[in-house]
Protein backbone atom coordinates (compact mmCIF):
# COMPACT_ATOMS: atom_id res chain seq x y z
CA UNK A 1 65.37 2.17 121.13
CA UNK A 2 62.92 4.02 118.92
CA UNK A 3 63.25 3.66 115.15
CA UNK A 4 63.70 7.07 113.50
CA UNK A 5 62.73 7.84 109.95
CA UNK A 6 65.95 8.93 108.21
CA UNK A 7 65.92 12.50 106.94
CA UNK A 8 68.81 13.50 104.67
CA UNK A 9 69.47 17.24 104.25
CA UNK A 10 71.03 18.40 100.98
CA UNK A 11 73.73 21.07 100.96
CA UNK A 12 71.33 23.34 99.07
CA UNK A 13 68.57 22.91 101.68
CA UNK A 14 70.97 23.66 104.52
CA UNK A 15 72.19 26.83 102.78
CA UNK A 16 68.64 28.01 102.11
CA UNK A 17 67.58 27.36 105.72
CA UNK A 18 70.54 29.35 107.03
CA UNK A 19 69.69 32.23 104.64
CA UNK A 20 65.99 32.32 105.49
CA UNK A 21 65.88 31.42 109.18
CA UNK A 22 69.13 31.13 111.15
CA UNK A 23 72.39 29.20 111.12
CA UNK A 24 71.81 25.58 112.12
CA UNK A 25 73.70 22.31 111.80
CA UNK A 26 72.68 19.61 109.32
CA UNK A 27 71.64 17.12 112.04
CA UNK A 28 69.60 19.74 113.88
CA UNK A 29 67.76 20.65 110.68
CA UNK A 30 67.10 16.97 109.97
CA UNK A 31 65.57 16.60 113.47
CA UNK A 32 63.45 19.73 112.94
CA UNK A 33 62.11 18.47 109.60
CA UNK A 34 61.47 14.96 110.99
CA UNK A 35 59.54 16.42 113.93
CA UNK A 36 57.15 18.17 111.51
CA UNK A 37 57.15 15.58 108.69
CA UNK A 38 55.97 12.55 110.66
CA UNK A 39 52.62 14.08 111.73
CA UNK A 40 52.00 15.12 108.09
CA UNK A 41 52.59 11.54 106.96
CA UNK A 42 50.37 10.05 109.68
CA UNK A 43 47.34 12.00 108.46
CA UNK A 44 48.02 11.41 104.76
CA UNK A 45 50.13 14.32 103.57
CA UNK A 46 49.27 15.93 100.25
CA UNK A 47 51.86 15.04 97.61
CA UNK A 48 52.73 17.67 95.00
CA UNK A 49 54.63 16.22 92.01
CA UNK A 50 56.20 13.60 94.29
CA UNK A 51 57.17 16.10 97.01
CA UNK A 52 55.69 16.75 100.43
CA UNK A 53 55.83 20.38 101.57
CA UNK A 54 56.37 20.53 105.32
CA UNK A 55 55.93 23.81 107.17
CA UNK A 56 58.80 23.90 109.68
CA UNK A 57 58.36 27.53 110.79
CA UNK A 58 55.55 29.97 110.07
CA UNK A 59 55.89 30.78 106.36
CA UNK A 60 58.92 28.47 105.87
CA UNK A 61 58.56 25.07 104.20
CA UNK A 62 60.93 22.19 103.58
CA UNK A 63 60.44 20.45 100.24
CA UNK A 64 60.89 16.74 100.99
CA UNK A 65 61.08 13.77 98.63
CA UNK A 66 61.25 10.04 99.24
CA UNK A 67 64.95 9.13 99.30
CA UNK A 68 66.56 6.32 97.33
CA UNK A 69 68.63 5.71 100.49
CA UNK A 70 65.42 5.17 102.47
CA UNK A 71 63.61 7.83 104.45
CA UNK A 72 63.29 11.35 103.11
CA UNK A 73 65.50 13.90 101.35
CA UNK A 74 65.15 17.62 102.05
CA UNK A 75 65.69 19.16 98.61
CA UNK A 76 65.30 22.82 99.56
CA UNK A 77 63.81 25.21 102.09
CA UNK A 78 61.70 28.09 100.84
CA UNK A 79 59.49 30.89 102.06
CA UNK A 80 55.79 30.64 101.33
CA UNK A 81 54.37 33.60 99.48
CA UNK A 82 51.23 34.20 101.54
CA UNK A 83 50.12 36.98 99.18
CA UNK A 84 50.04 34.76 96.07
CA UNK A 85 46.80 32.94 95.21
C-alpha cells in the first residue's frame, strides 16, 4: 500500500472551491490538491510566508500550510488575478 501525504481541507477552503469552481466533496478536493501539491514539493516549492500556493485549475490556487496534525492543511482556495503585477 502506498503512503499518502495527508491533506486536510478546511470548511472555508471547501466553500471557496465550490463558489469558484464547482461543487465537490471534501475528500475529492483533498485528492485534487494532493495530486498537484506533491510535484510542487518534489521540485522545491516556493514558500510564501509559510504557505505553498498550488495551482489546482488554471487561475485557481489552493493556499496550503504544513499541518500540526501532519501533512498539509488547505486554508483557502482563491482565484489568481492574472492582470495584477
